[in-house]
C-alpha atoms as a PDB file:
ATOM      1  CA  MET A   1      37.907  27.638 -16.714  1.00  0.00           C
ATOM      2  CA  SER A   2      39.977  25.739 -18.430  1.00  0.00           C
ATOM      3  CA  ALA A   3      39.847  25.594 -22.142  1.00  0.00           C
ATOM      4  CA  ASP A   4      39.096  21.851 -22.123  1.00  0.00           C
ATOM      5  CA  GLU A   5      35.895  22.207 -19.999  1.00  0.00           C
ATOM      6  CA  GLU A   6      32.728  23.193 -22.029  1.00  0.00           C
ATOM      7  CA  GLN A   7      30.247  25.447 -20.647  1.00  0.00           C
ATOM      8  CA  LEU A   8      26.766  24.240 -20.972  1.00  0.00           C
ATOM      9  CA  ILE A   9      23.934  26.887 -21.191  1.00  0.00           C
ATOM     10  CA  GLY A  10      20.089  25.770 -21.691  1.00  0.00           C
ATOM     11  CA  HIS A  11      17.095  27.797 -23.044  1.00  0.00           C
ATOM     12  CA  SER A  12      13.827  27.510 -22.068  1.00  0.00           C
ATOM     13  CA  TYR A  13      11.142  29.287 -24.639  1.00  0.00           C
ATOM     14  CA  THR A  14       8.214  27.110 -22.916  1.00  0.00           C
ATOM     15  CA  ARG A  15       6.811  30.430 -21.556  1.00  0.00           C
ATOM     16  CA  ALA A  16       7.236  32.097 -25.066  1.00  0.00           C
ATOM     17  CA  ARG A  17       5.472  29.301 -26.826  1.00  0.00           C
ATOM     18  CA  LYS A  18       2.399  29.502 -24.302  1.00  0.00           C
ATOM     19  CA  HIS A  19       1.542  33.170 -25.460  1.00  0.00           C
ATOM     20  CA  PRO A  20      -2.199  33.464 -24.375  1.00  0.00           C
ATOM     21  CA  LEU A  21      -4.543  34.117 -27.499  1.00  0.00           C
ATOM     22  CA  VAL A  22      -5.586  37.879 -27.340  1.00  0.00           C
ATOM     23  CA  ILE A  23      -7.983  39.767 -28.879  1.00  0.00           C
ATOM     24  CA  GLY A  24      -6.472  43.494 -29.760  1.00  0.00           C
ATOM     25  CA  LYS A  25      -9.122  44.853 -32.481  1.00  0.00           C
ATOM     26  CA  LEU A  26     -12.385  44.483 -33.334  1.00  0.00           C
ATOM     27  CA  PRO A  27     -13.752  43.601 -36.671  1.00  0.00           C
ATOM     28  CA  GLY A  28     -14.319  46.499 -39.198  1.00  0.00           C
ATOM     29  CA  ALA A  29     -12.743  49.061 -36.115  1.00  0.00           C
ATOM     30  CA  GLY A  30      -9.621  50.222 -34.477  1.00  0.00           C
ATOM     31  CA  ARG A  31      -8.443  48.785 -31.399  1.00  0.00           C
ATOM     32  CA  LEU A  32      -9.916  48.296 -28.089  1.00  0.00           C
ATOM     33  CA  PRO A  33      -9.059  50.489 -25.541  1.00  0.00           C
ATOM     34  CA  GLY A  34      -6.506  49.287 -22.853  1.00  0.00           C
ATOM     35  CA  GLY A  35      -6.098  46.336 -25.193  1.00  0.00           C
ATOM     36  CA  PRO A  36      -5.330  43.527 -26.076  1.00  0.00           C
ATOM     37  CA  TYR A  37      -7.237  41.782 -23.993  1.00  0.00           C
ATOM     38  CA  THR A  38      -6.987  37.908 -23.456  1.00  0.00           C
ATOM     39  CA  ILE A  39     -10.123  35.564 -23.252  1.00  0.00           C
ATOM     40  CA  THR A  40      -9.995  35.354 -19.658  1.00  0.00           C
ATOM     41  CA  GLN A  41     -10.288  39.175 -19.359  1.00  0.00           C
ATOM     42  CA  ILE A  42     -13.077  39.618 -22.045  1.00  0.00           C
ATOM     43  CA  VAL A  43     -14.997  36.632 -20.120  1.00  0.00           C
ATOM     44  CA  THR A  44     -14.424  38.795 -16.690  1.00  0.00           C
ATOM     45  CA  MET A  45     -15.580  41.696 -18.191  1.00  0.00           C
ATOM     46  CA  VAL A  46     -18.873  40.511 -19.818  1.00  0.00           C
ATOM     47  CA  ALA A  47     -19.678  38.702 -16.828  1.00  0.00           C
ATOM     48  CA  THR A  48     -19.332  41.416 -14.343  1.00  0.00           C
ATOM     49  CA  PHE A  49     -20.940  43.910 -16.368  1.00  0.00           C
ATOM     50  CA  LEU A  50     -23.967  41.146 -16.519  1.00  0.00           C
ATOM     51  CA  LEU A  51     -23.749  40.749 -12.675  1.00  0.00           C
ATOM     52  CA  LEU A  52     -23.996  44.530 -11.958  1.00  0.00           C
ATOM     53  CA  ILE A  53     -27.163  45.123 -14.455  1.00  0.00           C
ATOM     54  CA  ILE A  54     -29.065  42.036 -12.549  1.00  0.00           C
ATOM     55  CA  THR A  55     -28.201  43.492  -9.381  1.00  0.00           C
ATOM     56  CA  ARG A  56     -28.431  47.138 -10.053  1.00  0.00           C
ATOM     57  CA  GLN A  57     -31.369  47.336  -7.832  1.00  0.00           C
ATOM     58  CA  LEU A  58     -29.097  46.859  -5.306  1.00  0.00           C
ATOM     59  CA  TRP A  59     -26.527  49.574  -5.735  1.00  0.00           C
ATOM     60  CA  ALA A  60     -27.702  51.635  -8.256  1.00  0.00           C
ATOM     61  CA  HIS A  61     -28.670  54.535  -6.351  1.00  0.00           C
ATOM     62  CA  PHE A  62     -26.172  57.155  -7.573  1.00  0.00           C
ATOM     63  CA  GLY A  63     -27.384  58.508 -10.338  1.00  0.00           C
ATOM     64  CA  VAL A  64     -24.606  59.639 -13.117  1.00  0.00           C
ATOM     65  CA  MET A  65     -22.097  57.435 -10.951  1.00  0.00           C
ATOM     66  CA  ASN A  66     -23.847  54.298 -11.915  1.00  0.00           C
ATOM     67  CA  VAL A  67     -22.944  54.298 -15.324  1.00  0.00           C
ATOM     68  CA  LEU A  68     -18.994  54.916 -14.280  1.00  0.00           C
ATOM     69  CA  ALA A  69     -19.623  52.190 -12.067  1.00  0.00           C
ATOM     70  CA  MET A  70     -20.373  50.152 -14.826  1.00  0.00           C
ATOM     71  CA  VAL A  71     -17.871  51.147 -16.933  1.00  0.00           C
ATOM     72  CA  ILE A  72     -15.168  50.987 -14.534  1.00  0.00           C
ATOM     73  CA  LEU A  73     -16.009  47.886 -12.350  1.00  0.00           C
ATOM     74  CA  PRO A  74     -15.622  45.367 -15.121  1.00  0.00           C
ATOM     75  CA  TRP A  75     -12.513  47.397 -16.931  1.00  0.00           C
ATOM     76  CA  GLY A  76     -10.731  46.947 -13.557  1.00  0.00           C
ATOM     77  CA  THR A  77     -11.280  43.232 -12.835  1.00  0.00           C
ATOM     78  CA  ALA A  78      -9.999  42.590 -16.127  1.00  0.00           C
ATOM     79  CA  TRP A  79      -7.040  44.767 -15.963  1.00  0.00           C
ATOM     80  CA  VAL A  80      -6.381  43.257 -12.082  1.00  0.00           C
ATOM     81  CA  LEU A  81      -6.594  39.463 -14.269  1.00  0.00           C
ATOM     82  CA  ARG A  82      -4.131  40.720 -16.566  1.00  0.00           C
ATOM     83  CA  TYR A  83      -1.206  40.591 -13.879  1.00  0.00           C
ATOM     84  CA  ALA A  84      -2.514  37.837 -11.602  1.00  0.00           C
ATOM     85  CA  ARG A  85      -0.360  35.075 -11.939  1.00  0.00           C
ATOM     86  CA  LEU A  86      -0.830  31.523 -10.491  1.00  0.00           C
ATOM     87  CA  ASP A  87       2.034  29.324 -10.988  1.00  0.00           C
ATOM     88  CA  GLY A  88       2.709  31.516 -14.408  1.00  0.00           C
ATOM     89  CA  ARG A  89      -0.690  30.980 -15.855  1.00  0.00           C
ATOM     90  CA  ASP A  90      -3.471  33.303 -15.349  1.00  0.00           C
ATOM     91  CA  PRO A  91      -5.843  32.042 -12.909  1.00  0.00           C
ATOM     92  CA  ALA A  92      -8.848  30.823 -15.390  1.00  0.00           C
ATOM     93  CA  ARG A  93      -5.913  28.562 -16.631  1.00  0.00           C
ATOM     94  CA  ALA A  94      -5.095  27.405 -12.777  1.00  0.00           C
ATOM     95  CA  LEU A  95      -8.481  27.205 -12.422  1.00  0.00           C
ATOM     96  CA  ARG A  96      -9.139  24.555 -14.794  1.00  0.00           C
ATOM     97  CA  SER A  97      -5.974  23.042 -14.030  1.00  0.00           C
ATOM     98  CA  LEU A  98      -7.137  22.286 -10.427  1.00  0.00           C
ATOM     99  CA  LEU A  99     -10.799  21.360 -11.470  1.00  0.00           C
ATOM    100  CA  VAL A 100      -9.061  18.714 -14.165  1.00  0.00           C
ATOM    101  CA  TYR A 101      -6.988  17.375 -11.398  1.00  0.00           C
ATOM    102  CA  ALA A 102      -9.731  17.046  -8.950  1.00  0.00           C
ATOM    103  CA  SER A 103     -11.610  15.156 -11.241  1.00  0.00           C
ATOM    104  CA  THR A 104      -9.046  12.964 -12.361  1.00  0.00           C
ATOM    105  CA  PRO A 105      -9.512   9.163 -11.050  1.00  0.00           C
ATOM    106  CA  ALA A 106      -7.000   8.057  -8.606  1.00  0.00           C
ATOM    107  CA  ASP A 107      -5.833   4.989 -10.501  1.00  0.00           C
ATOM    108  CA  GLY A 108      -5.337   7.501 -13.758  1.00  0.00           C
ATOM    109  CA  ARG A 109      -7.101   7.083 -17.102  1.00  0.00           C
ATOM    110  CA  LEU A 110      -6.723   4.499 -20.029  1.00  0.00           C
ATOM    111  CA  ALA A 111      -7.878   5.648 -23.603  1.00  0.00           C
ATOM    112  CA  GLY A 112      -9.829   8.386 -22.339  1.00  0.00           C
ATOM    113  CA  SER A 113     -11.970   6.104 -19.616  1.00  0.00           C
ATOM    114  CA  PRO A 114     -11.262   5.692 -15.769  1.00  0.00           C
ATOM    115  CA  GLN A 115      -9.082   2.804 -15.099  1.00  0.00           C
ATOM    116  CA  HIS A 116      -9.951   0.994 -12.023  1.00  0.00           C
ATOM    117  CA  ARG A 117      -7.328  -1.611 -10.637  1.00  0.00           C
ATOM    118  CA  SER A 118      -9.208  -5.185  -9.431  1.00  0.00           C
ATOM    119  CA  ARG A 119      -8.765  -5.827  -6.232  1.00  0.00           C
ATOM    120  CA  PRO A 120      -6.230  -8.300  -5.397  1.00  0.00           C
ATOM    121  CA  ARG A 121      -8.042 -11.808  -4.488  1.00  0.00           C
ATOM    122  CA  LEU A 122      -6.452 -15.113  -3.460  1.00  0.00           C
ATOM    123  CA  ALA A 123      -6.461 -17.631  -6.663  1.00  0.00           C
ATOM    124  CA  GLY A 124      -7.077 -21.858  -5.908  1.00  0.00           C
ATOM    125  CA  ALA A 125      -5.700 -24.077  -7.958  1.00  0.00           C
ATOM    126  CA  THR A 126      -6.558 -27.898  -8.074  1.00  0.00           C
ATOM    127  CA  CYS A 127      -4.977 -30.607  -9.788  1.00  0.00           C
ATOM    128  CA  THR A 128      -6.135 -34.133 -11.052  1.00  0.00           C
ATOM    129  CA  VAL A 129      -4.314 -36.936 -12.025  1.00  0.00           C
ATOM    130  CA  HIS A 130      -5.789 -39.897 -13.457  1.00  0.00           C
ATOM    131  CA  VAL A 131      -3.919 -43.253 -13.780  1.00  0.00           C
ATOM    132  CA  ARG A 132      -4.311 -45.605 -16.558  1.00  0.00           C
ATOM    133  CA  THR A 133      -3.569 -49.261 -15.563  1.00  0.00           C
ATOM    134  CA  ALA A 134      -3.081 -51.453 -18.683  1.00  0.00           C
ATOM    135  CA  PRO A 135      -3.856 -54.936 -16.729  1.00  0.00           C
ATOM    136  CA  ARG A 136      -7.059 -53.821 -15.838  1.00  0.00           C
ATOM    137  CA  ALA A 137      -7.819 -52.630 -19.398  1.00  0.00           C
ATOM    138  CA  ALA A 138      -6.705 -55.828 -20.920  1.00  0.00           C
ATOM    139  CA  GLN A 139      -8.812 -57.913 -18.215  1.00  0.00           C
ATOM    140  CA  ALA A 140     -11.669 -56.032 -19.393  1.00  0.00           C
ATOM    141  CA  LYS A 141     -14.107 -58.634 -21.197  1.00  0.00           C
ATOM    142  CA  PRO A 142     -15.109 -57.138 -24.673  1.00  0.00           C
ATOM    143  CA  VAL A 143     -18.534 -56.055 -25.657  1.00  0.00           C
ATOM    144  CA  PRO A 144     -19.897 -58.270 -28.129  1.00  0.00           C
ATOM    145  CA  ALA A 145     -21.222 -55.805 -31.061  1.00  0.00           C
ATOM    146  CA  ALA A 146     -24.610 -55.831 -31.850  1.00  0.00           C
ATOM    147  CA  VAL A 147     -26.233 -57.934 -34.593  1.00  0.00           C
ATOM    148  CA  PRO A 148     -28.471 -55.966 -36.775  1.00  0.00           C
ATOM    149  CA  LYS A 149     -31.763 -57.609 -37.253  1.00  0.00           C
ATOM    150  CA  ALA A 150     -31.555 -59.341 -41.178  1.00  0.00           C
ATOM    151  CA  ARG A 151     -34.523 -57.903 -43.750  1.00  0.00           C
ATOM    152  CA  LYS A 152     -36.102 -61.054 -44.816  1.00  0.00           C
ATOM    153  CA  SER A 153     -35.980 -59.826 -48.502  1.00  0.00           C
ATOM    154  CA  ALA A 154     -32.088 -59.782 -48.397  1.00  0.00           C
ATOM    155  CA  THR A 155     -29.572 -62.196 -46.646  1.00  0.00           C
ATOM    156  CA  ARG A 156     -26.323 -60.914 -45.260  1.00  0.00           C
ATOM    157  CA  PRO A 157     -23.258 -62.926 -43.741  1.00  0.00           C
ATOM    158  CA  ALA A 158     -22.810 -62.680 -40.442  1.00  0.00           C
ATOM    159  CA  PRO A 159     -20.238 -60.317 -39.239  1.00  0.00           C
ATOM    160  CA  ARG A 160     -17.205 -61.593 -37.803  1.00  0.00           C
ATOM    161  CA  PRO A 161     -16.324 -61.718 -34.141  1.00  0.00           C
ATOM    162  CA  ALA A 162     -14.061 -59.377 -32.489  1.00  0.00           C
ATOM    163  CA  PRO A 163     -10.572 -61.113 -32.129  1.00  0.00           C
ATOM    164  CA  ALA A 164      -9.791 -61.905 -28.055  1.00  0.00           C
ATOM    165  CA  ALA A 165      -7.704 -59.936 -26.137  1.00  0.00           C
ATOM    166  CA  GLN A 166      -4.503 -61.521 -25.141  1.00  0.00           C
ATOM    167  CA  PRO A 167      -4.366 -61.589 -21.817  1.00  0.00           C
ATOM    168  CA  VAL A 168      -1.299 -59.779 -20.158  1.00  0.00           C
ATOM    169  CA  PRO A 169       0.423 -60.999 -17.385  1.00  0.00           C
ATOM    170  CA  VAL A 170      -0.017 -58.846 -14.034  1.00  0.00           C
ATOM    171  CA  ALA A 171       3.716 -59.573 -12.557  1.00  0.00           C
ATOM    172  CA  ALA A 172       5.086 -58.734 -16.075  1.00  0.00           C
ATOM    173  CA  SER A 173       3.437 -55.662 -16.224  1.00  0.00           C
ATOM    174  CA  SER A 174       3.501 -54.075 -12.369  1.00  0.00           C
ATOM    175  CA  ALA A 175       6.775 -54.885 -12.934  1.00  0.00           C
ATOM    176  CA  ALA A 176       7.444 -52.627 -16.072  1.00  0.00           C
ATOM    177  CA  ARG A 177       5.297 -49.870 -14.805  1.00  0.00           C
ATOM    178  CA  THR A 178       7.518 -49.623 -11.778  1.00  0.00           C
ATOM    179  CA  ARG A 179      10.834 -49.606 -13.720  1.00  0.00           C
ATOM    180  CA  GLN A 180       9.817 -47.180 -16.178  1.00  0.00           C
ATOM    181  CA  PRO A 181       7.388 -44.006 -15.678  1.00  0.00           C
ATOM    182  CA  ALA A 182       4.980 -43.034 -18.668  1.00  0.00           C
ATOM    183  CA  LYS A 183       7.373 -41.207 -21.449  1.00  0.00           C
ATOM    184  CA  SER A 184       6.771 -38.755 -23.923  1.00  0.00           C
ATOM    185  CA  GLY A 185       7.055 -38.831 -27.514  1.00  0.00           C
ATOM    186  CA  LEU A 186      10.308 -36.474 -26.834  1.00  0.00           C
ATOM    187  CA  GLN A 187      11.332 -38.612 -23.948  1.00  0.00           C
ATOM    188  CA  ALA A 188      10.759 -41.903 -26.058  1.00  0.00           C
ATOM    189  CA  LEU A 189      12.682 -40.571 -29.311  1.00  0.00           C
ATOM    190  CA  LEU A 190      15.968 -39.417 -26.654  1.00  0.00           C
ATOM    191  CA  ALA A 191      15.960 -42.968 -25.085  1.00  0.00           C
ATOM    192  CA  SER A 192      15.859 -44.585 -28.754  1.00  0.00           C
ATOM    193  CA  LEU A 193      18.901 -42.772 -29.404  1.00  0.00           C
ATOM    194  CA  ASP A 194      20.437 -43.714 -26.117  1.00  0.00           C
ATOM    195  CA  GLU A 195      20.524 -47.355 -26.785  1.00  0.00           C
ATOM    196  CA  ARG A 196      22.381 -46.820 -30.236  1.00  0.00           C
END
């Protein structure tokens, strides 16, 4: 290797940071024999001891050897669990990871709750166009306004009639309509700038 090339060295401290919580001493007492023990080992020892007590009617026929079995069997299972590793973890953590993986929804979680993707569905769209024609609006006869009845005690002047609408020539309006399409405000402003 030349002096120009650098040798890259990587260090991983992940396993050192994941040291399990252990119990090595009892409060007010000395060290535990054979300890320190992990939480998994303590739980295994207690569970095995309780299982042996519950089932002693089946196996406890050996006299003094019964006491040895109730001490050696829980301690032996805890000692085996100290060295048993699944993917670098103790069996209880590996089992917990497996249960979490099996209970996770297929689409994952969002803010702690299961997320479900909705099924794709065909979306239809409709478009409706209403065309307003100026000649029809101009040819329509104006509706006279209703005149309120005058009270006997007060006299009011009669309302003025509405001015008559100017008729628009049909040919001129249709020709204008065919020449220029309807414009928006922006289009009208741009057209007025082009005319200057």
